[in-house]
Amino acid sequence: MDEVELKRIVWRSRRGLLELDLQLERFVADVLPQLNDAELVDYRELLQSPDNDLLDYLNGRSECPTPRLWPIIARIRAAQR
């Protein structure tokens, strides 16, 4: 993935909910640079989720309806520890 698209992904990681911003900020700083192209595509798709749904997925209050995105959600959760 090219640098321009990576910058777009980082920008889209900024959300309207502070709690969500804090979780994604840590993930973007620590894990995003290590992701391969397929994982970046999954992360970009996950970012299309509404803020409240995404927060619920990350906090385990609801399950993402797309099983293919579960591994990236797990990586975001692991970055919080």
Protein backbone atom coordinates (compact mmCIF):
# COMPACT_ATOMS: atom_id res chain seq x y z
CA MET A 1 0.00 0.00 0.00
CA ASP A 2 1.40 3.41 -0.90
CA GLU A 3 2.23 6.16 1.56
CA VAL A 4 -0.70 8.37 0.53
CA GLU A 5 -3.18 5.60 1.29
CA LEU A 6 -1.47 4.92 4.63
CA LYS A 7 -1.91 8.59 5.53
CA ARG A 8 -5.59 8.34 4.62
CA ILE A 9 -5.96 5.33 6.88
CA VAL A 10 -4.26 7.16 9.75
CA TRP A 11 -6.54 10.15 9.18
CA ARG A 12 -9.66 7.94 9.11
CA SER A 13 -8.53 6.45 12.41
CA ARG A 14 -9.40 9.75 14.07
CA ARG A 15 -12.98 9.38 15.21
CA GLY A 16 -15.70 11.38 16.95
CA LEU A 17 -15.60 9.48 20.24
CA LEU A 18 -12.71 10.13 22.61
CA GLU A 19 -12.63 6.56 23.93
CA LEU A 20 -12.49 5.21 20.38
CA ASP A 21 -9.82 7.74 19.41
CA LEU A 22 -7.64 6.64 22.31
CA GLN A 23 -7.89 2.96 21.38
CA LEU A 24 -7.19 3.53 17.71
CA GLU A 25 -4.41 6.04 18.40
CA ARG A 26 -2.43 3.43 20.33
CA PHE A 27 -3.05 0.81 17.63
CA VAL A 28 -2.02 3.18 14.83
CA ALA A 29 1.19 4.13 16.62
CA ASP A 30 2.24 0.65 17.73
CA VAL A 31 0.78 -1.86 15.28
CA LEU A 32 -0.26 -0.20 12.02
CA PRO A 33 3.30 0.03 10.66
CA GLN A 34 3.64 -3.77 11.05
CA LEU A 35 0.47 -4.70 9.14
CA ASN A 36 0.70 -6.36 5.75
CA ASP A 37 -1.43 -5.20 2.81
CA ALA A 38 -4.27 -7.67 3.48
CA GLU A 39 -4.49 -6.56 7.12
CA LEU A 40 -4.48 -2.92 6.04
CA VAL A 41 -7.39 -3.62 3.72
CA ASP A 42 -9.29 -5.24 6.60
CA TYR A 43 -8.50 -2.33 8.92
CA ARG A 44 -9.64 0.16 6.28
CA GLU A 45 -12.91 -1.78 5.93
CA LEU A 46 -13.37 -1.84 9.71
CA LEU A 47 -12.97 1.94 9.79
CA GLN A 48 -16.08 2.22 7.63
CA SER A 49 -18.13 1.09 10.64
CA PRO A 50 -20.11 3.74 12.51
CA ASP A 51 -18.29 5.01 15.62
CA ASN A 52 -20.67 3.45 18.14
CA ASP A 53 -20.61 0.07 16.41
CA LEU A 54 -16.83 0.12 16.15
CA LEU A 55 -16.51 0.99 19.83
CA ASP A 56 -18.86 -1.88 20.71
CA TYR A 57 -16.76 -4.30 18.62
CA LEU A 58 -13.55 -3.19 20.29
CA ASN A 59 -15.01 -3.33 23.79
CA GLY A 60 -16.64 -6.72 23.21
CA ARG A 61 -20.19 -5.43 23.69
CA SER A 62 -21.19 -6.76 20.28
CA GLU A 63 -19.64 -8.96 17.63
CA CYS A 64 -18.67 -7.63 14.24
CA PRO A 65 -20.94 -9.26 11.64
CA THR A 66 -17.97 -9.78 9.29
CA PRO A 67 -15.85 -12.70 10.61
CA ARG A 68 -12.96 -11.74 8.30
CA LEU A 69 -12.49 -8.59 10.43
CA TRP A 70 -12.29 -10.45 13.75
CA PRO A 71 -8.48 -10.86 13.62
CA ILE A 72 -7.89 -7.12 13.14
CA ILE A 73 -10.31 -6.37 15.98
CA ALA A 74 -8.31 -8.78 18.16
CA ARG A 75 -5.09 -6.96 17.23
CA ILE A 76 -6.61 -3.61 18.18
CA ARG A 77 -7.76 -5.04 21.50
CA ALA A 78 -4.31 -6.55 22.14
CA ALA A 79 -2.68 -3.16 21.54
CA GLN A 80 -4.62 -1.82 24.54
CA ARG A 81 -2.84 -4.07 27.01
